[in-house]
Structures are given as C-alpha cells and as structure tokens.
Amino acid sequence: MTKPILTLLASIALLGAGAGATWMLRDHWADGPAAVPDANYQAFQDRLGGPENALRQELNVLTVTATVPMGAADRDRAYGLTRECLDVRRLLDIGHVRDFVVAIGRGEARPFHFLSQEDCKRLRGVVGDQPSAERVLAVKRALAEVGATFAVIRSETDWNVKIEGEEPPIPFLNLMSEASQFRPGHHPDVFGGAKVPAFTAAEAELLTYLDEFFNLPAAREAFPAKTYPLLYRDGRLPPLPNLDTYKREIQDGIKSEKLILLPGAKTTAEQVAEVDAIFDRLERFFEAVAATR
C-alpha cells in the first residue's frame, strides 16, 4: 500500500474518531455538563433547583426569543445560538444573560429582563411591577395552560351543528366558530414547565392575541357589558378577564345553548356527547383563563 493511501486512511480514521468524540460530547452536554462553568452559574442552579439541562434550555429560550434591546456584541452572540444549547458557556458569554444569571443567583427578581418595554407593559398588567419569583412561575405555568386550551378552540372546527326552526341567540357557539378563524397560521409557543422566573416574548404575544380575541364582536356578544359589567376595563375586555366573577352565569348560558342544539325527545346519546365535546373545549379555555388570577 503506497504512502499517500496510508496517509489518506489515517486522516479518515482521525476524522471518524473526532466525529465520534463530538457526538459523545454532544450527548454529554445534553444531559448536563460535568463541571459547572463558574460560581455564578452554580448559584443560579442552586437557587432555582432542578436538572441543569432543563435550566440551560429554558435560559436558551429566553435568550433566543428576547425582545429587549442588546448591545451589538450580545445581539450577535444571541443570534448565533441554536434551538438547543449544548454548552452553557455560550450563553454566559452574552453579557445580558450573565447579568441575569448573577442577579438570580443573588436572589434578585428579574421577571422582565428579556423583554422590550412594550412586552413588559403587557405582563405588568397581569402581575404588577414587582412580582415575586413564585408569582412569576405560577403565572407562566397558568399562561402555558391558557395557550394550550386557546390553541384547541382555535383549531379548525370538526363539528356540524344543525338548528331547527328560527335561529335563537347562541353567542358562545358563535364565539367558538369565530375562534377557529382567528389569526390563522400562527400560535404563540408558550414554554410549559417553567423553572426560571422570567417571562418570554411568547407570553407577551399570547396576551396580545387574547386582548384581540376577547374584543372581537363575537366575544362582546357572548359577554355583553350590561350582563357582565365587572369584566370590562375602560370599555374593553382585558386579555385575562376575571371569568370566575360570573362562573354561574357562564355555565347557565352554555347550558341554555346546549338545550337549543339538542332536538328534545329525539336526542341520542351520540348527539349529547358531540355537543358536550364542543362546549367542553370552550369551558376548559375559560377555566384556564380564570386560573391565571
């Protein structure tokens, strides 16, 4: 075998070994680093608890979706991040992220650290100016449930309702129909299972969507101001109206619409189940909205 061929084979072997080592390292970092980069990150971990890789990935989400203005160097590093962060040192190289990690490790609250002023305003309307870490996490988890149930009622309708005779008022069913056509093609990707007490841009975006949705004509017909005056603020429904205030009235309204949709004595068990399933989606959404308070 000639020397050039031997050299080529040796090079291939080295490349293969390097690739294998890279994938081993990749898996190693995905499970969590063997050594903590510094005392600040260790304090951050100790303060929040839980698996390091989960904290790292959530910190990565906060960084790559940040709307707060950053310096040029920080912005370039943030733009260079991928969806999955395998090395936390890449995050800590970003000054804005390191400031956050240090602050959390010291026990300081930084709930709006990654948000623009406009996004901060949205979230402050829900949690106030200085929410505790516990309050931030509770609201983040509640918003994740709101987002999930909102996505369900926004999905394309797979039901066909027939009403006999003159159509009576069915505002909640109309709201469901309107939801399926609301802002098609996109839904805020709210992070579930949060451990890091800071809001993401997706949560602010979800509040923007909810503000628009609850002020659609169909929503205002479902919640007329004369019947639900305590829900309104300055003539508008807020993104997270206090639906618990009128829980009984909402339940009675939905029950009335179910009776309209079910053809009396001719009702079958299948029809009842179908109508129940339609309104169950809406009721779960209303319950999730109420739970954010």
C-alpha atoms as a PDB file:
ATOM      1  CA  MET A   1       0.000   0.000   0.000  1.00  0.00           C
ATOM      2  CA  THR A   2       1.518   3.343  -1.022  1.00  0.00           C
ATOM      3  CA  LYS A   3       2.305   6.145   1.425  1.00  0.00           C
ATOM      4  CA  PRO A   4      -0.360   8.591   0.065  1.00  0.00           C
ATOM      5  CA  ILE A   5      -3.046   5.954   0.533  1.00  0.00           C
ATOM      6  CA  LEU A   6      -1.874   5.201   4.067  1.00  0.00           C
ATOM      7  CA  THR A   7      -1.936   8.937   4.850  1.00  0.00           C
ATOM      8  CA  LEU A   8      -5.472   9.239   3.462  1.00  0.00           C
ATOM      9  CA  LEU A   9      -6.704   6.275   5.519  1.00  0.00           C
ATOM     10  CA  ALA A  10      -5.113   7.695   8.656  1.00  0.00           C
ATOM     11  CA  SER A  11      -6.821  11.028   8.038  1.00  0.00           C
ATOM     12  CA  ILE A  12     -10.193   9.354   7.605  1.00  0.00           C
ATOM     13  CA  ALA A  13      -9.678   7.418  10.829  1.00  0.00           C
ATOM     14  CA  LEU A  14      -8.851  10.620  12.703  1.00  0.00           C
ATOM     15  CA  LEU A  15     -11.916  12.374  11.287  1.00  0.00           C
ATOM     16  CA  GLY A  16     -14.085   9.443  12.333  1.00  0.00           C
ATOM     17  CA  ALA A  17     -12.674   9.486  15.835  1.00  0.00           C
ATOM     18  CA  GLY A  18     -13.200  13.250  16.032  1.00  0.00           C
ATOM     19  CA  ALA A  19     -16.789  12.973  14.874  1.00  0.00           C
ATOM     20  CA  GLY A  20     -17.452  10.245  17.405  1.00  0.00           C
ATOM     21  CA  ALA A  21     -15.955  12.336  20.177  1.00  0.00           C
ATOM     22  CA  THR A  22     -18.090  15.303  19.083  1.00  0.00           C
ATOM     23  CA  TRP A  23     -21.285  13.263  19.299  1.00  0.00           C
ATOM     24  CA  MET A  24     -20.224  11.820  22.648  1.00  0.00           C
ATOM     25  CA  LEU A  25     -19.601  15.350  23.899  1.00  0.00           C
ATOM     26  CA  ARG A  26     -22.907  16.498  22.433  1.00  0.00           C
ATOM     27  CA  ASP A  27     -24.805  13.801  24.327  1.00  0.00           C
ATOM     28  CA  HIS A  28     -22.771  14.590  27.423  1.00  0.00           C
ATOM     29  CA  TRP A  29     -23.759  18.275  27.342  1.00  0.00           C
ATOM     30  CA  ALA A  30     -27.368  17.470  26.500  1.00  0.00           C
ATOM     31  CA  ASP A  31     -27.597  15.546  29.774  1.00  0.00           C
ATOM     32  CA  GLY A  32     -25.754  18.268  31.687  1.00  0.00           C
ATOM     33  CA  PRO A  33     -22.170  19.474  31.984  1.00  0.00           C
ATOM     34  CA  ALA A  34     -19.683  17.535  34.059  1.00  0.00           C
ATOM     35  CA  ALA A  35     -18.371  20.726  35.640  1.00  0.00           C
ATOM     36  CA  VAL A  36     -20.155  23.996  36.364  1.00  0.00           C
ATOM     37  CA  PRO A  37     -18.500  26.862  34.422  1.00  0.00           C
ATOM     38  CA  ASP A  38     -18.268  29.203  37.424  1.00  0.00           C
ATOM     39  CA  ALA A  39     -19.641  30.063  40.861  1.00  0.00           C
ATOM     40  CA  ASN A  40     -22.278  32.425  39.435  1.00  0.00           C
ATOM     41  CA  TYR A  41     -23.882  29.683  37.389  1.00  0.00           C
ATOM     42  CA  GLN A  42     -23.660  27.311  40.349  1.00  0.00           C
ATOM     43  CA  ALA A  43     -25.508  29.857  42.497  1.00  0.00           C
ATOM     44  CA  PHE A  44     -28.117  30.194  39.728  1.00  0.00           C
ATOM     45  CA  GLN A  45     -28.621  26.416  39.721  1.00  0.00           C
ATOM     46  CA  ASP A  46     -28.736  26.205  43.494  1.00  0.00           C
ATOM     47  CA  ARG A  47     -31.310  28.986  43.703  1.00  0.00           C
ATOM     48  CA  LEU A  48     -33.697  27.504  41.132  1.00  0.00           C
ATOM     49  CA  GLY A  49     -33.088  23.777  41.581  1.00  0.00           C
ATOM     50  CA  GLY A  50     -33.938  21.043  39.111  1.00  0.00           C
ATOM     51  CA  PRO A  51     -31.854  19.420  36.356  1.00  0.00           C
ATOM     52  CA  GLU A  52     -29.141  21.646  34.909  1.00  0.00           C
ATOM     53  CA  ASN A  53     -30.029  20.786  31.314  1.00  0.00           C
ATOM     54  CA  ALA A  54     -33.641  21.937  31.842  1.00  0.00           C
ATOM     55  CA  LEU A  55     -32.478  25.279  33.278  1.00  0.00           C
ATOM     56  CA  ARG A  56     -29.996  25.677  30.432  1.00  0.00           C
ATOM     57  CA  GLN A  57     -32.594  25.036  27.756  1.00  0.00           C
ATOM     58  CA  GLU A  58     -35.067  27.456  29.336  1.00  0.00           C
ATOM     59  CA  LEU A  59     -32.353  30.099  29.615  1.00  0.00           C
ATOM     60  CA  ASN A  60     -31.617  29.476  25.943  1.00  0.00           C
ATOM     61  CA  VAL A  61     -35.294  30.014  25.038  1.00  0.00           C
ATOM     62  CA  LEU A  62     -35.337  33.286  26.988  1.00  0.00           C
ATOM     63  CA  THR A  63     -32.241  34.445  25.127  1.00  0.00           C
ATOM     64  CA  VAL A  64     -33.110  33.495  21.559  1.00  0.00           C
ATOM     65  CA  THR A  65     -36.626  34.962  21.858  1.00  0.00           C
ATOM     66  CA  ALA A  66     -35.594  38.107  23.771  1.00  0.00           C
ATOM     67  CA  THR A  67     -37.118  41.384  22.576  1.00  0.00           C
ATOM     68  CA  VAL A  68     -35.077  43.636  24.875  1.00  0.00           C
ATOM     69  CA  PRO A  69     -32.525  45.813  23.037  1.00  0.00           C
ATOM     70  CA  MET A  70     -28.982  44.445  23.464  1.00  0.00           C
ATOM     71  CA  GLY A  71     -25.546  45.730  22.569  1.00  0.00           C
ATOM     72  CA  ALA A  72     -24.148  44.691  19.200  1.00  0.00           C
ATOM     73  CA  ALA A  73     -21.828  42.000  20.606  1.00  0.00           C
ATOM     74  CA  ASP A  74     -24.565  40.464  22.777  1.00  0.00           C
ATOM     75  CA  ARG A  75     -27.047  40.600  19.933  1.00  0.00           C
ATOM     76  CA  ASP A  76     -24.670  38.838  17.528  1.00  0.00           C
ATOM     77  CA  ARG A  77     -23.959  36.095  20.054  1.00  0.00           C
ATOM     78  CA  ALA A  78     -27.676  35.659  20.775  1.00  0.00           C
ATOM     79  CA  TYR A  79     -28.445  35.419  17.053  1.00  0.00           C
ATOM     80  CA  GLY A  80     -25.759  32.755  16.749  1.00  0.00           C
ATOM     81  CA  LEU A  81     -27.467  30.433  19.235  1.00  0.00           C
ATOM     82  CA  THR A  82     -29.290  27.353  18.052  1.00  0.00           C
ATOM     83  CA  ARG A  83     -32.581  25.946  19.309  1.00  0.00           C
ATOM     84  CA  GLU A  84     -30.754  23.530  21.605  1.00  0.00           C
ATOM     85  CA  CYS A  85     -27.909  24.871  23.732  1.00  0.00           C
ATOM     86  CA  LEU A  86     -25.347  22.165  24.466  1.00  0.00           C
ATOM     87  CA  ASP A  87     -22.791  24.391  26.198  1.00  0.00           C
ATOM     88  CA  VAL A  88     -23.956  26.931  28.783  1.00  0.00           C
ATOM     89  CA  ARG A  89     -20.720  28.855  28.336  1.00  0.00           C
ATOM     90  CA  ARG A  90     -22.103  30.178  25.041  1.00  0.00           C
ATOM     91  CA  LEU A  91     -24.984  31.698  26.995  1.00  0.00           C
ATOM     92  CA  LEU A  92     -22.724  33.103  29.701  1.00  0.00           C
ATOM     93  CA  ASP A  93     -20.594  34.808  27.035  1.00  0.00           C
ATOM     94  CA  ILE A  94     -23.612  37.082  26.455  1.00  0.00           C
ATOM     95  CA  GLY A  95     -23.386  39.933  28.940  1.00  0.00           C
ATOM     96  CA  HIS A  96     -27.153  40.380  29.208  1.00  0.00           C
ATOM     97  CA  VAL A  97     -27.580  36.700  30.075  1.00  0.00           C
ATOM     98  CA  ARG A  98     -24.697  36.695  32.552  1.00  0.00           C
ATOM     99  CA  ASP A  99     -26.204  39.719  34.339  1.00  0.00           C
ATOM    100  CA  PHE A 100     -29.450  37.776  34.687  1.00  0.00           C
ATOM    101  CA  VAL A 101     -27.729  34.636  35.986  1.00  0.00           C
ATOM    102  CA  VAL A 102     -25.774  36.643  38.564  1.00  0.00           C
ATOM    103  CA  ALA A 103     -28.898  38.502  39.723  1.00  0.00           C
ATOM    104  CA  ILE A 104     -30.960  35.325  40.126  1.00  0.00           C
ATOM    105  CA  GLY A 105     -28.118  33.637  41.995  1.00  0.00           C
ATOM    106  CA  ARG A 106     -28.160  36.535  44.461  1.00  0.00           C
ATOM    107  CA  GLY A 107     -31.889  36.218  44.962  1.00  0.00           C
ATOM    108  CA  GLU A 108     -32.841  39.323  42.945  1.00  0.00           C
ATOM    109  CA  ALA A 109     -36.052  39.417  40.879  1.00  0.00           C
ATOM    110  CA  ARG A 110     -35.639  39.996  37.126  1.00  0.00           C
ATOM    111  CA  PRO A 111     -39.033  38.928  35.678  1.00  0.00           C
ATOM    112  CA  PHE A 112     -38.875  41.301  32.666  1.00  0.00           C
ATOM    113  CA  HIS A 113     -35.138  41.054  31.949  1.00  0.00           C
ATOM    114  CA  PHE A 114     -35.545  39.692  28.403  1.00  0.00           C
ATOM    115  CA  LEU A 115     -38.496  41.839  27.274  1.00  0.00           C
ATOM    116  CA  SER A 116     -38.958  45.098  25.416  1.00  0.00           C
ATOM    117  CA  GLN A 117     -40.815  47.954  27.105  1.00  0.00           C
ATOM    118  CA  GLU A 118     -43.979  47.121  25.155  1.00  0.00           C
ATOM    119  CA  ASP A 119     -43.846  43.461  26.174  1.00  0.00           C
ATOM    120  CA  CYS A 120     -43.126  44.437  29.787  1.00  0.00           C
ATOM    121  CA  LYS A 121     -46.246  46.589  29.812  1.00  0.00           C
ATOM    122  CA  ARG A 122     -48.371  43.609  28.758  1.00  0.00           C
ATOM    123  CA  LEU A 123     -47.038  41.391  31.535  1.00  0.00           C
ATOM    124  CA  ARG A 124     -47.076  44.113  34.198  1.00  0.00           C
ATOM    125  CA  GLY A 125     -50.787  44.467  33.557  1.00  0.00           C
ATOM    126  CA  VAL A 126     -51.140  40.887  34.819  1.00  0.00           C
ATOM    127  CA  VAL A 127     -48.529  40.552  37.593  1.00  0.00           C
ATOM    128  CA  GLY A 128     -47.733  44.116  38.624  1.00  0.00           C
ATOM    129  CA  ASP A 129     -44.351  45.845  38.690  1.00  0.00           C
ATOM    130  CA  GLN A 130     -42.521  43.694  41.248  1.00  0.00           C
ATOM    131  CA  PRO A 131     -43.909  40.152  41.263  1.00  0.00           C
ATOM    132  CA  SER A 132     -42.202  37.518  43.375  1.00  0.00           C
ATOM    133  CA  ALA A 133     -40.419  34.615  41.727  1.00  0.00           C
ATOM    134  CA  GLU A 134     -43.212  32.323  42.910  1.00  0.00           C
ATOM    135  CA  ARG A 135     -45.842  34.554  41.333  1.00  0.00           C
ATOM    136  CA  VAL A 136     -43.929  34.730  38.042  1.00  0.00           C
ATOM    137  CA  LEU A 137     -43.618  30.950  37.816  1.00  0.00           C
ATOM    138  CA  ALA A 138     -47.283  30.451  38.729  1.00  0.00           C
ATOM    139  CA  VAL A 139     -48.405  32.871  36.011  1.00  0.00           C
ATOM    140  CA  LYS A 140     -46.028  31.348  33.445  1.00  0.00           C
ATOM    141  CA  ARG A 141     -47.465  27.894  34.069  1.00  0.00           C
ATOM    142  CA  ALA A 142     -51.006  29.240  34.009  1.00  0.00           C
ATOM    143  CA  LEU A 143     -50.353  31.023  30.710  1.00  0.00           C
ATOM    144  CA  ALA A 144     -48.975  27.796  29.255  1.00  0.00           C
ATOM    145  CA  GLU A 145     -52.331  26.154  30.035  1.00  0.00           C
ATOM    146  CA  VAL A 146     -54.219  29.124  28.597  1.00  0.00           C
ATOM    147  CA  GLY A 147     -52.133  28.875  25.447  1.00  0.00           C
ATOM    148  CA  ALA A 148     -52.795  25.148  25.111  1.00  0.00           C
ATOM    149  CA  THR A 149     -56.575  25.452  25.576  1.00  0.00           C
ATOM    150  CA  PHE A 150     -56.675  28.533  23.343  1.00  0.00           C
ATOM    151  CA  ALA A 151     -54.966  26.507  20.605  1.00  0.00           C
ATOM    152  CA  VAL A 152     -57.697  23.858  20.914  1.00  0.00           C
ATOM    153  CA  ILE A 153     -60.585  26.271  20.360  1.00  0.00           C
ATOM    154  CA  ARG A 154     -58.618  27.942  17.556  1.00  0.00           C
ATOM    155  CA  SER A 155     -58.265  24.670  15.678  1.00  0.00           C
ATOM    156  CA  GLU A 156     -60.436  24.045  12.652  1.00  0.00           C
ATOM    157  CA  THR A 157     -63.965  23.014  13.570  1.00  0.00           C
ATOM    158  CA  ASP A 158     -64.757  19.354  13.070  1.00  0.00           C
ATOM    159  CA  TRP A 159     -68.398  19.618  14.087  1.00  0.00           C
ATOM    160  CA  ASN A 160     -71.558  20.370  12.139  1.00  0.00           C
ATOM    161  CA  VAL A 161     -74.456  21.767  14.142  1.00  0.00           C
ATOM    162  CA  LYS A 162     -77.965  21.937  12.739  1.00  0.00           C
ATOM    163  CA  ILE A 163     -80.571  24.158  14.409  1.00  0.00           C
ATOM    164  CA  GLU A 164     -84.225  23.539  13.647  1.00  0.00           C
ATOM    165  CA  GLY A 165     -86.548  26.495  13.111  1.00  0.00           C
ATOM    166  CA  GLU A 166     -85.603  30.134  13.600  1.00  0.00           C
ATOM    167  CA  GLU A 167     -82.063  30.507  14.910  1.00  0.00           C
ATOM    168  CA  PRO A 168     -82.059  31.671  18.552  1.00  0.00           C
ATOM    169  CA  PRO A 169     -79.108  33.533  20.156  1.00  0.00           C
ATOM    170  CA  ILE A 170     -76.111  31.198  20.534  1.00  0.00           C
ATOM    171  CA  PRO A 171     -73.267  33.597  21.393  1.00  0.00           C
ATOM    172  CA  PHE A 172     -70.901  31.044  22.961  1.00  0.00           C
ATOM    173  CA  LEU A 173     -71.167  28.727  19.980  1.00  0.00           C
ATOM    174  CA  ASN A 174     -70.604  31.716  17.690  1.00  0.00           C
ATOM    175  CA  LEU A 175     -67.511  32.564  19.722  1.00  0.00           C
ATOM    176  CA  MET A 176     -66.194  29.052  19.126  1.00  0.00           C
ATOM    177  CA  SER A 177     -66.791  29.473  15.399  1.00  0.00           C
ATOM    178  CA  GLU A 178     -65.001  32.831  15.428  1.00  0.00           C
ATOM    179  CA  ALA A 179     -62.082  31.339  17.342  1.00  0.00           C
ATOM    180  CA  SER A 180     -61.474  28.783  14.598  1.00  0.00           C
ATOM    181  CA  GLN A 181     -60.926  31.653  12.135  1.00  0.00           C
ATOM    182  CA  PHE A 182     -58.900  33.913  14.427  1.00  0.00           C
ATOM    183  CA  ARG A 183     -55.359  34.751  13.244  1.00  0.00           C
ATOM    184  CA  PRO A 184     -54.876  31.579  11.199  1.00  0.00           C
ATOM    185  CA  GLY A 185     -51.439  30.090  10.712  1.00  0.00           C
ATOM    186  CA  HIS A 186     -49.681  31.048  13.929  1.00  0.00           C
ATOM    187  CA  HIS A 187     -49.945  30.453  17.664  1.00  0.00           C
ATOM    188  CA  PRO A 188     -47.629  31.765  20.420  1.00  0.00           C
ATOM    189  CA  ASP A 189     -45.299  28.985  21.537  1.00  0.00           C
ATOM    190  CA  VAL A 190     -45.536  29.395  25.306  1.00  0.00           C
ATOM    191  CA  PHE A 191     -42.989  27.370  27.281  1.00  0.00           C
ATOM    192  CA  GLY A 192     -44.510  24.865  29.725  1.00  0.00           C
ATOM    193  CA  GLY A 193     -42.982  23.540  32.943  1.00  0.00           C
ATOM    194  CA  ALA A 194     -41.116  26.760  33.693  1.00  0.00           C
ATOM    195  CA  LYS A 195     -38.392  26.798  36.352  1.00  0.00           C
ATOM    196  CA  VAL A 196     -36.753  30.156  35.537  1.00  0.00           C
ATOM    197  CA  PRO A 197     -38.713  33.149  36.943  1.00  0.00           C
ATOM    198  CA  ALA A 198     -38.605  35.386  33.868  1.00  0.00           C
ATOM    199  CA  PHE A 199     -41.170  35.997  31.152  1.00  0.00           C
ATOM    200  CA  THR A 200     -40.642  35.269  27.470  1.00  0.00           C
ATOM    201  CA  ALA A 201     -41.802  37.246  24.461  1.00  0.00           C
ATOM    202  CA  ALA A 202     -44.208  34.405  23.632  1.00  0.00           C
ATOM    203  CA  GLU A 203     -46.154  35.068  26.828  1.00  0.00           C
ATOM    204  CA  ALA A 204     -46.474  38.744  25.943  1.00  0.00           C
ATOM    205  CA  GLU A 205     -47.547  37.742  22.427  1.00  0.00           C
ATOM    206  CA  LEU A 206     -50.196  35.409  23.860  1.00  0.00           C
ATOM    207  CA  LEU A 207     -51.621  38.300  25.887  1.00  0.00           C
ATOM    208  CA  THR A 208     -51.769  40.390  22.711  1.00  0.00           C
ATOM    209  CA  TYR A 209     -53.715  37.623  20.982  1.00  0.00           C
ATOM    210  CA  LEU A 210     -56.080  37.258  23.929  1.00  0.00           C
ATOM    211  CA  ASP A 211     -56.683  41.003  24.046  1.00  0.00           C
ATOM    212  CA  GLU A 212     -57.713  40.934  20.390  1.00  0.00           C
ATOM    213  CA  PHE A 213     -59.770  37.773  20.775  1.00  0.00           C
ATOM    214  CA  PHE A 214     -61.798  38.936  23.786  1.00  0.00           C
ATOM    215  CA  ASN A 215     -62.682  42.150  21.953  1.00  0.00           C
ATOM    216  CA  LEU A 216     -63.957  40.523  18.780  1.00  0.00           C
ATOM    217  CA  PRO A 217     -67.645  41.262  18.130  1.00  0.00           C
ATOM    218  CA  ALA A 218     -68.474  37.627  18.904  1.00  0.00           C
ATOM    219  CA  ALA A 219     -66.743  37.839  22.294  1.00  0.00           C
ATOM    220  CA  ARG A 220     -68.505  41.063  23.227  1.00  0.00           C
ATOM    221  CA  GLU A 221     -71.814  39.436  22.262  1.00  0.00           C
ATOM    222  CA  ALA A 222     -71.003  36.456  24.452  1.00  0.00           C
ATOM    223  CA  PHE A 223     -70.076  38.813  27.312  1.00  0.00           C
ATOM    224  CA  PRO A 224     -72.299  41.893  26.889  1.00  0.00           C
ATOM    225  CA  ALA A 225     -71.355  44.760  29.191  1.00  0.00           C
ATOM    226  CA  LYS A 226     -74.879  45.019  30.615  1.00  0.00           C
ATOM    227  CA  THR A 227     -74.757  41.414  31.827  1.00  0.00           C
ATOM    228  CA  TYR A 228     -71.026  41.206  32.648  1.00  0.00           C
ATOM    229  CA  PRO A 229     -70.072  44.761  33.729  1.00  0.00           C
ATOM    230  CA  LEU A 230     -67.287  43.672  36.105  1.00  0.00           C
ATOM    231  CA  LEU A 231     -65.334  42.078  33.284  1.00  0.00           C
ATOM    232  CA  TYR A 232     -64.733  45.359  31.474  1.00  0.00           C
ATOM    233  CA  ARG A 233     -61.959  47.909  31.907  1.00  0.00           C
ATOM    234  CA  ASP A 234     -62.347  51.245  30.146  1.00  0.00           C
ATOM    235  CA  GLY A 235     -64.918  49.760  27.809  1.00  0.00           C
ATOM    236  CA  ARG A 236     -62.801  46.749  26.807  1.00  0.00           C
ATOM    237  CA  LEU A 237     -62.405  43.171  27.938  1.00  0.00           C
ATOM    238  CA  PRO A 238     -58.845  42.650  29.248  1.00  0.00           C
ATOM    239  CA  PRO A 239     -56.643  39.819  27.917  1.00  0.00           C
ATOM    240  CA  LEU A 240     -57.434  37.750  31.021  1.00  0.00           C
ATOM    241  CA  PRO A 241     -60.915  38.763  32.179  1.00  0.00           C
ATOM    242  CA  ASN A 242     -61.945  37.620  35.656  1.00  0.00           C
ATOM    243  CA  LEU A 243     -64.379  34.990  34.423  1.00  0.00           C
ATOM    244  CA  ASP A 244     -64.709  33.469  37.891  1.00  0.00           C
ATOM    245  CA  THR A 245     -66.822  36.500  38.822  1.00  0.00           C
ATOM    246  CA  TYR A 246     -69.552  35.220  36.517  1.00  0.00           C
ATOM    247  CA  LYS A 247     -68.915  31.485  36.629  1.00  0.00           C
ATOM    248  CA  ARG A 248     -72.572  30.641  37.312  1.00  0.00           C
ATOM    249  CA  GLU A 249     -73.871  32.932  34.550  1.00  0.00           C
ATOM    250  CA  ILE A 250     -71.431  31.458  32.020  1.00  0.00           C
ATOM    251  CA  GLN A 251     -72.402  27.908  32.967  1.00  0.00           C
ATOM    252  CA  ASP A 252     -76.108  28.768  32.647  1.00  0.00           C
ATOM    253  CA  GLY A 253     -75.518  30.386  29.252  1.00  0.00           C
ATOM    254  CA  ILE A 254     -73.685  27.343  27.930  1.00  0.00           C
ATOM    255  CA  LYS A 255     -76.349  25.030  29.328  1.00  0.00           C
ATOM    256  CA  SER A 256     -79.040  27.052  27.513  1.00  0.00           C
ATOM    257  CA  GLU A 257     -77.184  26.767  24.227  1.00  0.00           C
ATOM    258  CA  LYS A 258     -76.801  23.008  24.666  1.00  0.00           C
ATOM    259  CA  LEU A 259     -80.576  22.700  25.065  1.00  0.00           C
ATOM    260  CA  ILE A 260     -81.061  24.700  21.865  1.00  0.00           C
ATOM    261  CA  LEU A 261     -78.748  22.398  19.944  1.00  0.00           C
ATOM    262  CA  LEU A 262     -80.245  19.131  21.207  1.00  0.00           C
ATOM    263  CA  PRO A 263     -83.551  18.201  19.498  1.00  0.00           C
ATOM    264  CA  GLY A 264     -85.603  17.406  22.606  1.00  0.00           C
ATOM    265  CA  ALA A 265     -87.074  13.906  22.824  1.00  0.00           C
ATOM    266  CA  LYS A 266     -85.254  12.869  19.643  1.00  0.00           C
ATOM    267  CA  THR A 267     -81.870  13.423  21.239  1.00  0.00           C
ATOM    268  CA  THR A 268     -79.466  10.495  21.065  1.00  0.00           C
ATOM    269  CA  ALA A 269     -76.537   9.731  23.341  1.00  0.00           C
ATOM    270  CA  GLU A 270     -74.164  10.393  20.431  1.00  0.00           C
ATOM    271  CA  GLN A 271     -75.640  13.852  19.867  1.00  0.00           C
ATOM    272  CA  VAL A 272     -75.345  14.710  23.554  1.00  0.00           C
ATOM    273  CA  ALA A 273     -71.716  13.571  23.569  1.00  0.00           C
ATOM    274  CA  GLU A 274     -70.931  15.631  20.464  1.00  0.00           C
ATOM    275  CA  VAL A 275     -72.473  18.821  21.852  1.00  0.00           C
ATOM    276  CA  ASP A 276     -70.784  18.281  25.228  1.00  0.00           C
ATOM    277  CA  ALA A 277     -67.427  17.863  23.491  1.00  0.00           C
ATOM    278  CA  ILE A 278     -67.892  21.141  21.609  1.00  0.00           C
ATOM    279  CA  PHE A 279     -68.551  23.172  24.730  1.00  0.00           C
ATOM    280  CA  ASP A 280     -66.021  21.287  26.875  1.00  0.00           C
ATOM    281  CA  ARG A 281     -63.284  22.887  24.775  1.00  0.00           C
ATOM    282  CA  LEU A 282     -64.608  26.354  25.484  1.00  0.00           C
ATOM    283  CA  GLU A 283     -65.170  25.678  29.182  1.00  0.00           C
ATOM    284  CA  ARG A 284     -61.601  24.379  29.614  1.00  0.00           C
ATOM    285  CA  PHE A 285     -60.342  27.571  27.990  1.00  0.00           C
ATOM    286  CA  PHE A 286     -62.478  29.730  30.290  1.00  0.00           C
ATOM    287  CA  GLU A 287     -61.242  27.771  33.321  1.00  0.00           C
ATOM    288  CA  ALA A 288     -57.618  28.260  32.274  1.00  0.00           C
ATOM    289  CA  VAL A 289     -58.142  31.995  31.830  1.00  0.00           C
ATOM    290  CA  ALA A 290     -59.771  32.241  35.282  1.00  0.00           C
ATOM    291  CA  ALA A 291     -56.878  30.295  36.864  1.00  0.00           C
ATOM    292  CA  THR A 292     -54.302  32.954  35.899  1.00  0.00           C
ATOM    293  CA  ARG A 293     -55.604  35.362  38.529  1.00  0.00           C
END
